[in-house]
N, C-alpha and C. Protein backbone atom coordinates (compact mmCIF):
# COMPACT_ATOMS: atom_id res chain seq x y z
N MET A 1 0.75 -1.30 -0.30
CA MET A 1 -0.13 0.47 0.24
C MET A 1 0.91 1.23 0.41
N SER A 2 0.08 2.16 -0.80
CA SER A 2 1.44 3.26 -0.81
C SER A 2 1.42 4.02 0.45
N ILE A 3 1.78 5.27 0.62
CA ILE A 3 2.21 5.94 1.96
C ILE A 3 1.47 7.57 1.26
N GLU A 4 0.94 8.30 1.94
CA GLU A 4 -0.08 9.74 1.84
C GLU A 4 0.41 10.32 2.75
N VAL A 5 1.19 11.73 2.40
CA VAL A 5 1.48 12.36 3.76
C VAL A 5 1.13 13.76 3.47
N LYS A 6 0.41 14.33 4.67
CA LYS A 6 -0.88 15.45 4.67
C LYS A 6 0.10 15.89 5.86
N PRO A 7 -0.57 17.10 5.60
CA PRO A 7 -0.20 18.24 6.55
C PRO A 7 -1.07 18.67 7.66
N ALA A 8 -0.48 18.57 9.12
CA ALA A 8 -1.18 18.61 10.22
C ALA A 8 -2.14 19.66 10.64
N THR A 9 -3.16 19.20 10.04
CA THR A 9 -4.32 20.77 10.38
C THR A 9 -5.28 20.74 11.22
N LEU A 10 -5.72 21.26 11.34
CA LEU A 10 -7.01 21.04 12.88
C LEU A 10 -8.27 20.20 12.47
N ALA A 11 -7.90 19.46 11.12
CA ALA A 11 -9.36 18.37 11.35
C ALA A 11 -8.43 17.20 11.31
N ARG A 12 -7.01 17.55 11.26
CA ARG A 12 -6.57 15.91 11.12
C ARG A 12 -5.80 15.86 12.73
N PHE A 13 -6.23 17.28 13.53
CA PHE A 13 -6.11 17.03 15.03
C PHE A 13 -5.86 15.48 15.92
N ASP A 14 -7.01 15.01 15.48
CA ASP A 14 -7.37 13.61 16.23
C ASP A 14 -6.18 12.57 16.11
N ASP A 15 -5.51 12.85 14.25
CA ASP A 15 -4.15 11.81 14.03
C ASP A 15 -3.09 12.23 14.62
N VAL A 16 -3.34 13.48 14.87
CA VAL A 16 -1.72 13.97 15.41
C VAL A 16 -1.60 13.79 16.92
N ALA A 17 -3.09 13.71 17.46
CA ALA A 17 -3.07 13.57 18.96
C ALA A 17 -2.67 11.83 18.82
N PHE A 18 -3.01 11.34 18.15
CA PHE A 18 -2.68 9.90 18.29
C PHE A 18 -1.29 9.42 17.87
N MET A 19 -0.47 10.53 17.78
CA MET A 19 0.74 10.08 17.70
C MET A 19 1.72 10.51 18.16
N LEU A 20 1.33 11.78 18.83
CA LEU A 20 1.38 12.57 19.76
C LEU A 20 1.50 12.61 21.58
N GLY A 21 0.66 12.12 21.22
CA GLY A 21 -0.46 12.73 22.77
C GLY A 21 -0.24 10.94 23.98
N PRO A 22 -0.09 11.31 24.95
CA PRO A 22 0.10 10.03 25.82
C PRO A 22 -1.45 9.38 26.03
N LYS A 23 -1.36 8.22 26.26
CA LYS A 23 -2.82 7.15 26.69
C LYS A 23 -3.51 8.06 28.03
N ASN A 24 -2.44 8.44 28.80
CA ASN A 24 -3.49 9.46 30.33
C ASN A 24 -3.17 10.60 29.54
N PRO A 25 -4.26 11.59 29.64
CA PRO A 25 -4.33 12.95 29.11
C PRO A 25 -3.53 13.56 30.17
N GLN A 26 -3.54 13.56 31.35
CA GLN A 26 -2.95 14.37 32.42
C GLN A 26 -1.31 13.92 32.83
N SER A 27 -0.85 13.09 31.52
CA SER A 27 0.94 13.18 31.71
C SER A 27 1.27 14.35 30.64
N SER A 28 2.51 14.57 31.26
CA SER A 28 3.25 15.72 30.49
C SER A 28 4.64 15.35 29.90
N VAL A 29 3.88 14.47 28.64
CA VAL A 29 4.84 13.89 27.70
C VAL A 29 5.10 15.48 26.96
N CYS A 30 6.54 14.88 25.73
CA CYS A 30 6.94 15.82 24.65
C CYS A 30 5.88 16.41 24.13
N TRP A 31 4.64 15.63 23.56
CA TRP A 31 3.99 16.14 22.19
C TRP A 31 4.94 16.80 21.34
N CYS A 32 5.85 16.47 21.12
CA CYS A 32 6.84 16.97 20.63
C CYS A 32 7.05 18.80 20.05
N LEU A 33 7.28 19.07 21.43
CA LEU A 33 7.34 20.40 21.80
C LEU A 33 8.35 20.85 22.34
N SER A 34 9.00 19.70 22.94
CA SER A 34 10.56 20.25 23.32
C SER A 34 11.84 20.76 22.53
N HIS A 35 11.60 20.90 21.07
CA HIS A 35 12.16 21.72 20.46
C HIS A 35 11.18 22.58 19.46
N ARG A 36 10.12 23.05 20.09
CA ARG A 36 9.34 23.83 19.28
C ARG A 36 9.03 25.28 19.95
N VAL A 37 9.38 25.44 21.26
CA VAL A 37 8.93 26.02 22.28
C VAL A 37 10.44 26.40 23.08
N ASP A 38 10.47 27.78 23.91
CA ASP A 38 11.20 26.82 24.86
C ASP A 38 11.19 27.07 25.90
N SER A 39 12.47 26.22 26.53
CA SER A 39 12.32 25.38 28.12
C SER A 39 11.43 26.30 28.78
N LYS A 40 11.11 27.21 28.89
CA LYS A 40 10.33 28.08 29.93
C LYS A 40 8.89 27.43 29.70
N THR A 41 8.42 27.79 28.47
CA THR A 41 7.47 27.46 27.98
C THR A 41 7.24 25.96 28.01
N ASN A 42 8.04 25.00 27.91
CA ASN A 42 7.93 24.26 27.59
C ASN A 42 7.69 22.91 28.97
N ARG A 43 8.56 23.80 30.27
CA ARG A 43 7.95 23.19 31.71
C ARG A 43 6.66 24.17 32.12
N GLU A 44 6.06 24.67 31.39
CA GLU A 44 4.76 25.35 31.93
C GLU A 44 4.00 24.88 31.72
N LEU A 45 3.89 24.30 30.21
CA LEU A 45 2.83 23.48 29.90
C LEU A 45 2.86 22.30 30.26
N VAL A 46 1.64 21.71 30.93
CA VAL A 46 1.69 20.53 31.79
C VAL A 46 0.56 19.95 31.17
N GLY A 47 0.25 18.38 31.54
CA GLY A 47 -1.00 17.73 31.42
C GLY A 47 -1.70 17.90 29.72
N PRO A 48 -2.89 18.28 30.08
CA PRO A 48 -3.99 18.93 28.79
C PRO A 48 -3.57 19.46 28.05
N ALA A 49 -2.98 20.45 28.91
CA ALA A 49 -2.11 21.99 28.39
C ALA A 49 -1.28 22.14 27.26
N ARG A 50 -0.74 20.70 27.24
CA ARG A 50 0.38 20.40 25.87
C ARG A 50 -0.57 20.09 24.72
N GLY A 51 -1.57 18.94 24.81
CA GLY A 51 -2.49 19.23 23.63
C GLY A 51 -2.54 20.35 23.50
N GLU A 52 -3.66 20.65 24.02
CA GLU A 52 -4.39 21.86 23.34
C GLU A 52 -3.23 23.28 22.88
N PHE A 53 -2.02 22.87 23.21
CA PHE A 53 -0.83 23.79 22.72
C PHE A 53 -1.11 23.74 21.16
N VAL A 54 -0.64 22.28 20.97
CA VAL A 54 -0.42 21.73 19.54
C VAL A 54 -1.77 21.64 18.92
N ARG A 55 -2.62 21.35 19.62
CA ARG A 55 -4.21 22.04 18.54
C ARG A 55 -4.42 23.09 18.18
N GLU A 56 -3.79 24.30 19.03
CA GLU A 56 -3.82 25.72 18.23
C GLU A 56 -2.69 25.69 17.54
N LEU A 57 -1.48 25.27 17.31
CA LEU A 57 -0.69 25.16 16.13
C LEU A 57 -1.57 24.49 15.11
N CYS A 58 -1.80 23.45 15.15
CA CYS A 58 -2.75 22.86 14.19
C CYS A 58 -3.76 23.69 12.92
N GLY A 59 -3.77 24.44 14.04
CA GLY A 59 -5.55 25.45 13.62
C GLY A 59 -4.56 26.89 13.16
N ARG A 60 -3.34 27.35 12.81
CA ARG A 60 -2.27 28.11 12.06
C ARG A 60 -2.63 28.09 10.81
N GLU A 61 -1.90 28.61 10.06
CA GLU A 61 -1.99 29.11 8.35
C GLU A 61 -1.27 27.69 8.41
N ILE A 62 0.28 28.00 9.00
CA ILE A 62 1.66 26.66 8.77
C ILE A 62 1.20 25.68 9.85
N SER A 63 1.01 24.16 8.96
CA SER A 63 0.62 23.29 10.09
C SER A 63 1.83 23.31 10.88
N PRO A 64 1.91 22.78 12.33
CA PRO A 64 2.76 22.80 12.36
C PRO A 64 4.11 20.84 12.18
N GLY A 65 3.36 20.28 11.39
CA GLY A 65 4.40 19.26 10.75
C GLY A 65 3.14 17.95 9.67
N VAL A 66 3.83 17.22 9.68
CA VAL A 66 3.20 16.24 8.50
C VAL A 66 2.80 15.38 9.09
N LEU A 67 1.41 14.50 8.79
CA LEU A 67 1.34 13.16 8.54
C LEU A 67 1.49 11.97 7.23
N ALA A 68 2.14 10.92 8.10
CA ALA A 68 1.86 9.71 6.74
C ALA A 68 0.67 9.05 6.93
N TYR A 69 0.35 8.52 6.17
CA TYR A 69 -0.95 7.71 6.40
C TYR A 69 -0.78 6.24 5.62
N GLU A 70 -1.09 5.46 5.81
CA GLU A 70 -1.31 3.97 4.97
C GLU A 70 -3.23 3.68 4.49
N GLY A 71 -3.24 4.40 3.52
CA GLY A 71 -4.95 3.85 3.45
C GLY A 71 -5.49 5.51 4.45
N ASP A 72 -6.23 4.82 4.78
CA ASP A 72 -6.92 6.05 6.05
C ASP A 72 -6.53 5.84 7.59
N VAL A 73 -5.38 5.21 7.51
CA VAL A 73 -4.59 4.29 9.13
C VAL A 73 -3.70 5.56 9.26
N VAL A 74 -3.18 6.53 10.33
CA VAL A 74 -2.18 7.59 10.56
C VAL A 74 -1.06 6.74 11.00
N VAL A 75 0.39 6.69 10.19
CA VAL A 75 1.13 5.92 10.71
C VAL A 75 2.55 6.26 11.02
N GLY A 76 2.82 7.99 10.77
CA GLY A 76 3.94 9.06 10.99
C GLY A 76 3.56 10.22 10.85
N TRP A 77 4.40 10.97 12.12
CA TRP A 77 4.65 12.38 11.75
C TRP A 77 5.47 12.78 11.48
N ALA A 78 6.09 13.78 11.15
CA ALA A 78 7.27 14.43 11.25
C ALA A 78 7.03 15.91 11.88
N ALA A 79 7.98 16.99 12.17
CA ALA A 79 7.70 18.17 12.77
C ALA A 79 8.48 19.04 11.89
N VAL A 80 7.96 19.92 11.16
CA VAL A 80 8.77 20.82 10.01
C VAL A 80 8.04 22.21 10.55
N ALA A 81 8.99 23.29 10.49
CA ALA A 81 8.68 24.62 10.93
C ALA A 81 10.11 25.39 10.56
N PRO A 82 8.87 27.00 9.99
CA PRO A 82 10.33 27.83 9.98
C PRO A 82 11.26 27.56 10.86
N ARG A 83 12.75 27.80 10.51
CA ARG A 83 13.55 27.69 11.77
C ARG A 83 13.52 29.37 12.60
N SER A 84 12.90 30.04 12.42
CA SER A 84 12.79 31.74 12.94
C SER A 84 11.62 31.50 14.28
N GLU A 85 10.94 30.03 13.92
CA GLU A 85 10.00 30.12 14.88
C GLU A 85 10.32 29.21 16.25
N LEU A 86 11.47 28.59 16.04
CA LEU A 86 11.88 27.61 16.82
C LEU A 86 13.07 27.86 17.52
N PRO A 87 12.86 27.15 18.94
CA PRO A 87 14.47 27.41 19.45
C PRO A 87 16.03 27.11 19.14
N PHE A 88 15.89 26.12 17.61
CA PHE A 88 17.37 26.00 17.00
C PHE A 88 17.15 27.49 16.44
N ALA A 89 16.73 28.93 16.66
CA ALA A 89 17.12 29.91 15.98
C ALA A 89 17.97 30.91 16.48
N ARG A 90 18.25 30.48 18.14
CA ARG A 90 18.87 31.02 19.16
C ARG A 90 20.06 29.88 19.60
N SER A 91 20.29 28.51 19.09
CA SER A 91 20.71 27.43 19.85
C SER A 91 22.19 27.76 19.53
N ARG A 92 23.19 27.77 20.27
CA ARG A 92 24.90 28.01 20.75
C ARG A 92 24.90 26.81 19.90
N LYS A 93 24.51 25.91 20.04
CA LYS A 93 24.74 23.82 19.46
C LYS A 93 24.20 24.15 18.04
N ILE A 94 23.85 24.18 17.47
CA ILE A 94 23.12 23.97 16.43
C ILE A 94 23.15 25.73 14.87
N PRO A 95 24.23 25.37 14.31
CA PRO A 95 25.22 26.50 13.88
C PRO A 95 24.17 27.19 12.71
N HIS A 96 24.08 28.45 12.04
CA HIS A 96 23.54 28.78 11.33
C HIS A 96 24.67 28.83 10.16
N VAL A 97 23.97 28.68 9.11
CA VAL A 97 25.20 28.21 8.04
C VAL A 97 24.88 29.57 6.99
N ASP A 98 24.06 30.30 7.05
CA ASP A 98 23.62 31.35 6.14
C ASP A 98 22.32 32.11 6.86
N ASP A 99 22.25 32.76 5.80
CA ASP A 99 21.30 33.88 6.90
C ASP A 99 19.74 33.76 5.92
N LEU A 100 19.93 32.26 5.20
CA LEU A 100 18.50 32.30 4.55
C LEU A 100 17.38 31.89 5.47
N PRO A 101 16.50 32.14 4.95
CA PRO A 101 14.87 31.87 6.17
C PRO A 101 14.77 30.09 5.98
N VAL A 102 15.29 29.27 7.04
CA VAL A 102 15.53 28.25 6.32
C VAL A 102 14.29 27.37 6.82
N TRP A 103 14.02 26.24 6.67
CA TRP A 103 12.95 25.67 7.77
C TRP A 103 13.73 24.44 8.12
N SER A 104 13.19 24.03 9.57
CA SER A 104 13.43 22.63 10.34
C SER A 104 13.25 21.51 10.30
N VAL A 105 13.21 20.32 10.26
CA VAL A 105 12.85 18.99 10.54
C VAL A 105 13.91 18.25 11.90
N TRP A 106 13.21 18.46 12.65
CA TRP A 106 13.73 17.50 13.75
C TRP A 106 12.58 16.86 14.68
N CYS A 107 11.88 15.89 13.77
CA CYS A 107 11.43 14.86 14.21
C CYS A 107 10.71 13.94 13.71
N ILE A 108 10.98 12.92 13.69
CA ILE A 108 10.12 11.68 12.52
C ILE A 108 10.38 10.52 13.71
N ARG A 109 8.78 10.33 13.42
CA ARG A 109 8.09 9.31 14.05
C ARG A 109 7.18 8.16 13.69
N VAL A 110 7.80 7.32 13.89
CA VAL A 110 7.01 6.01 12.63
C VAL A 110 6.29 5.24 14.31
N ARG A 111 4.67 4.86 13.44
CA ARG A 111 3.80 4.41 14.88
C ARG A 111 4.69 3.19 14.76
N PRO A 112 4.91 2.41 15.94
CA PRO A 112 5.37 0.91 16.14
C PRO A 112 3.78 -0.53 15.22
N GLY A 113 4.68 -1.13 15.22
CA GLY A 113 3.94 -2.42 14.40
C GLY A 113 3.64 -1.08 12.66
N HIS A 114 4.53 -0.19 12.21
CA HIS A 114 4.85 -0.06 10.46
C HIS A 114 6.00 0.61 10.49
N ARG A 115 6.96 0.01 10.96
CA ARG A 115 8.26 0.35 11.18
C ARG A 115 9.00 -0.82 10.02
N GLY A 116 10.38 -0.08 9.87
CA GLY A 116 10.89 -0.90 8.84
C GLY A 116 10.88 -0.82 7.23
N ARG A 117 9.21 -0.40 6.68
CA ARG A 117 8.30 -0.42 5.16
C ARG A 117 8.89 1.21 4.41
N GLY A 118 9.71 2.13 5.03
CA GLY A 118 10.15 3.23 4.29
C GLY A 118 9.27 4.74 4.85
N ILE A 119 8.27 4.27 5.78
CA ILE A 119 8.20 5.22 6.15
C ILE A 119 8.35 6.32 6.93
N SER A 120 9.46 6.49 7.45
CA SER A 120 10.25 7.97 7.59
C SER A 120 10.79 8.32 6.57
N HIS A 121 11.01 7.64 5.56
CA HIS A 121 11.67 8.26 4.10
C HIS A 121 10.35 9.16 3.14
N ALA A 122 9.43 8.42 3.21
CA ALA A 122 7.98 9.33 2.93
C ALA A 122 8.03 10.31 3.53
N LEU A 123 7.95 10.68 5.27
CA LEU A 123 7.53 11.71 6.00
C LEU A 123 8.51 12.47 5.57
N LEU A 124 10.12 12.49 5.56
CA LEU A 124 11.32 13.28 5.16
C LEU A 124 10.78 13.73 4.08
N ASP A 125 9.80 13.19 2.91
CA ASP A 125 10.18 13.85 1.66
C ASP A 125 8.90 14.63 2.03
N GLY A 126 7.80 14.17 2.19
CA GLY A 126 6.32 14.64 2.78
C GLY A 126 6.78 16.11 3.22
N ALA A 127 7.68 15.85 4.27
CA ALA A 127 7.83 17.31 5.43
C ALA A 127 8.56 18.42 4.09
N VAL A 128 9.53 17.48 3.49
CA VAL A 128 10.16 18.74 2.26
C VAL A 128 9.43 19.27 1.64
N ALA A 129 8.04 18.72 0.57
CA ALA A 129 7.60 18.85 -0.01
C ALA A 129 6.53 20.03 0.76
N TYR A 130 6.25 20.49 1.83
CA TYR A 130 5.52 20.78 2.71
C TYR A 130 5.84 22.19 2.56
N ALA A 131 7.29 22.34 3.37
CA ALA A 131 8.27 23.22 3.18
C ALA A 131 8.15 24.23 2.21
N ARG A 132 8.55 23.12 0.72
CA ARG A 132 9.05 23.76 -0.23
C ARG A 132 7.26 24.55 -1.27
N SER A 133 6.20 24.29 -0.33
CA SER A 133 4.91 24.74 -0.88
C SER A 133 3.90 26.00 -0.14
N GLU A 134 5.13 26.31 0.81
CA GLU A 134 5.34 27.43 1.58
C GLU A 134 6.03 27.99 1.26
N HIS A 135 6.96 28.01 0.37
CA HIS A 135 8.20 28.54 -0.30
C HIS A 135 9.32 28.76 0.46
N ALA A 136 9.71 27.56 1.34
CA ALA A 136 11.19 27.46 1.71
C ALA A 136 11.91 27.71 1.17
N PRO A 137 13.48 28.51 0.99
CA PRO A 137 14.31 28.17 0.29
C PRO A 137 15.29 27.22 0.47
N ALA A 138 14.97 26.90 2.01
CA ALA A 138 15.91 25.48 2.33
C ALA A 138 15.36 24.56 3.40
N VAL A 139 15.90 23.66 3.68
CA VAL A 139 15.11 22.59 4.66
C VAL A 139 16.74 21.97 5.50
N GLU A 140 16.48 22.25 6.71
CA GLU A 140 17.80 21.66 7.90
C GLU A 140 16.59 20.38 8.54
N GLY A 141 18.06 19.46 8.82
CA GLY A 141 17.60 18.89 9.62
C GLY A 141 18.72 18.59 10.34
N TYR A 142 18.81 18.28 11.93
CA TYR A 142 19.87 17.85 12.96
C TYR A 142 19.93 16.62 13.18
N PRO A 143 20.52 15.46 12.28
CA PRO A 143 20.37 13.66 12.55
C PRO A 143 21.56 13.35 13.26
N VAL A 144 21.34 12.67 13.66
CA VAL A 144 22.41 11.57 14.21
C VAL A 144 23.21 11.17 13.55
N ASP A 145 25.20 11.36 13.31
CA ASP A 145 25.89 10.47 12.39
C ASP A 145 26.65 9.25 12.90
N ASN A 146 25.59 8.46 12.58
CA ASN A 146 25.81 7.13 13.84
C ASN A 146 26.81 6.27 12.94
N GLN A 147 26.89 6.39 11.42
CA GLN A 147 27.52 5.55 10.95
C GLN A 147 27.46 4.44 10.68
N GLY A 148 26.04 3.83 10.56
CA GLY A 148 25.74 2.47 10.65
C GLY A 148 25.20 1.58 11.99
N ALA A 149 26.02 2.80 13.33
CA ALA A 149 25.52 1.94 14.11
C ALA A 149 24.32 1.84 14.71
N LYS A 150 23.68 0.82 15.41
CA LYS A 150 22.09 0.96 15.82
C LYS A 150 22.11 2.03 16.73
N VAL A 151 20.11 2.60 16.79
CA VAL A 151 20.16 4.16 17.07
C VAL A 151 19.12 3.30 17.96
N ASP A 152 19.28 3.87 19.65
CA ASP A 152 18.11 3.86 20.53
C ASP A 152 16.61 4.15 20.18
N LEU A 153 16.06 3.39 19.91
CA LEU A 153 14.35 4.34 19.47
C LEU A 153 13.83 5.48 20.06
N THR A 154 14.71 5.37 21.14
CA THR A 154 14.45 6.84 21.99
C THR A 154 14.77 8.15 21.51
N THR A 155 15.84 7.76 20.96
CA THR A 155 16.77 8.86 20.17
C THR A 155 16.80 8.78 18.78
N ALA A 156 16.13 7.75 18.06
CA ALA A 156 16.07 8.07 16.71
C ALA A 156 15.32 8.96 16.25
N TYR A 157 14.21 9.83 16.87
CA TYR A 157 13.43 10.62 16.30
C TYR A 157 14.15 11.79 15.95
N VAL A 158 15.35 12.12 15.90
CA VAL A 158 16.11 13.29 15.27
C VAL A 158 16.60 12.59 13.80
N GLY A 159 16.10 11.11 13.78
CA GLY A 159 16.63 10.72 12.06
C GLY A 159 18.41 10.12 12.14
N THR A 160 18.49 10.07 11.16
CA THR A 160 19.90 9.78 10.88
C THR A 160 20.56 10.53 9.17
N ARG A 161 21.83 10.86 9.42
CA ARG A 161 22.81 10.82 8.54
C ARG A 161 22.10 10.29 7.15
N LYS A 162 21.95 9.21 7.27
CA LYS A 162 21.83 8.03 5.97
C LYS A 162 20.19 8.65 5.44
N LEU A 163 19.70 8.65 6.41
CA LEU A 163 18.01 8.58 5.90
C LEU A 163 18.21 10.55 5.31
N PHE A 164 18.56 11.42 5.99
CA PHE A 164 18.55 12.83 5.27
C PHE A 164 19.30 11.98 3.74
N GLU A 165 20.42 11.58 3.70
CA GLU A 165 21.53 11.66 2.58
C GLU A 165 20.42 11.10 1.40
N ARG A 166 19.38 9.84 1.57
CA ARG A 166 18.91 9.02 0.73
C ARG A 166 17.89 10.35 -0.06
N ALA A 167 17.24 11.37 1.15
CA ALA A 167 16.52 12.31 0.80
C ALA A 167 16.85 13.45 0.01
N GLY A 168 18.36 13.62 -0.31
CA GLY A 168 19.05 14.52 -1.10
C GLY A 168 19.43 15.52 -0.21
N PHE A 169 19.64 15.36 0.76
CA PHE A 169 20.50 16.48 1.63
C PHE A 169 21.74 16.06 1.83
N THR A 170 22.90 17.30 1.74
CA THR A 170 23.73 17.46 2.21
C THR A 170 24.12 18.14 3.34
N LYS A 171 26.11 16.98 4.24
CA LYS A 171 26.37 17.75 5.40
C LYS A 171 26.47 19.30 5.28
N ALA A 172 26.06 19.90 5.85
CA ALA A 172 25.93 21.50 6.10
C ALA A 172 26.98 21.89 7.03
N ALA A 173 27.18 21.14 7.97
CA ALA A 173 28.27 21.82 9.23
C ALA A 173 27.89 20.44 10.35
N ASP A 174 28.99 20.75 11.37
CA ASP A 174 28.90 19.52 12.06
C ASP A 174 28.34 20.60 13.23
N THR A 175 27.58 20.54 14.19
CA THR A 175 27.13 20.61 15.49
C THR A 175 28.07 20.45 16.80
N GLY A 176 27.35 21.10 18.16
CA GLY A 176 27.12 20.38 19.43
C GLY A 176 26.78 19.94 19.92
N ALA A 177 25.69 19.36 19.67
CA ALA A 177 25.19 18.53 20.31
C ALA A 177 25.02 17.21 19.77
N VAL A 178 24.21 16.65 20.83
CA VAL A 178 24.62 14.74 20.84
C VAL A 178 23.03 14.35 21.09
N SER A 179 23.04 12.97 20.42
CA SER A 179 21.72 12.56 20.86
C SER A 179 21.77 11.12 20.90
N GLY A 180 22.02 10.50 21.93
CA GLY A 180 22.05 8.79 21.93
C GLY A 180 23.67 8.73 22.03
N GLY A 181 24.23 9.03 22.26
CA GLY A 181 25.53 9.01 22.26
C GLY A 181 26.25 9.40 20.62
N PHE A 182 25.60 9.62 19.67
CA PHE A 182 25.95 9.95 18.90
C PHE A 182 26.20 11.54 18.45
N PRO A 183 27.15 12.32 17.51
CA PRO A 183 27.16 13.30 17.08
C PRO A 183 26.53 13.87 16.19
N ARG A 184 25.34 15.08 16.40
CA ARG A 184 24.25 15.53 15.53
C ARG A 184 25.07 16.08 14.70
N VAL A 185 25.28 16.30 13.08
CA VAL A 185 25.26 17.01 12.18
C VAL A 185 23.72 17.72 11.70
N LEU A 186 24.37 19.14 11.04
CA LEU A 186 23.16 19.63 10.18
C LEU A 186 23.00 19.06 8.93
N MET A 187 22.24 18.83 8.43
CA MET A 187 22.35 18.50 6.92
C MET A 187 20.94 19.49 6.30
N ARG A 188 21.39 19.82 4.91
CA ARG A 188 20.97 21.15 4.26
C ARG A 188 20.51 20.53 3.32
N LEU A 189 19.03 20.46 2.33
CA LEU A 189 18.50 20.67 1.34
C LEU A 189 17.90 21.57 0.79
N ASP A 190 18.75 22.78 -0.21
CA ASP A 190 18.38 23.51 -0.65
C ASP A 190 17.21 23.44 -1.79
N LEU A 191 16.35 24.40 -1.96
CA LEU A 191 15.02 24.07 -2.50
C LEU A 191 15.01 25.37 -3.91
N LEU A 192 15.58 26.39 -3.75
CA LEU A 192 16.10 27.15 -5.08
C LEU A 192 16.85 27.14 -5.38
N PRO A 193 16.57 27.43 -6.81
CA PRO A 193 18.03 27.18 -7.56
C PRO A 193 19.56 28.04 -7.29
N ALA A 194 20.67 27.37 -7.28
CA ALA A 194 21.42 28.63 -6.98
C ALA A 194 21.75 29.78 -7.98
N VAL A 195 22.27 30.66 -7.24
CA VAL A 195 22.21 32.07 -8.37
C VAL A 195 23.71 31.97 -8.47
N VAL A 196 23.79 32.15 -9.96
CA VAL A 196 25.14 32.15 -10.62
C VAL A 196 25.44 33.45 -10.72
């Protein structure tokens, strides 16, 4: 069955909640907010407030990410947004390659039972397509450079260098960030033609 990737709009919020929300609505789990909001806001958003914040994001003009579907079943999520809206804009560990208003992809999540079927590739391609449709000049990711070593699932959400390379990204810089014991690299895909 083919995978279709769609923006995470308010109409699809139930699928976003299924992919990101906790079984217990009172839990204060990530909801893919730890890299979307500053640390103070992240600490202040507890329990159901986290889901409500994400619901609000889904109602904005620019969706907070994309969802992958296999038929009518949601099977994956990828967070993508303009870097200027994210803590990455002020990060001391993730460098800026240039002054372009790039978009960032920082979380790729595939539903258990659906892994190993190329869904992460479809999600990354879909995130890039969505950024392109919103006129992003380039997309960046900050995956681990695991050099083929196994990556623990709890830290695999940032993706691997190989995943980004298969999507046409190239390494643009080293970073000062680490995930799961592996260094993270800045991978970049330019969407606008080079000016000669």
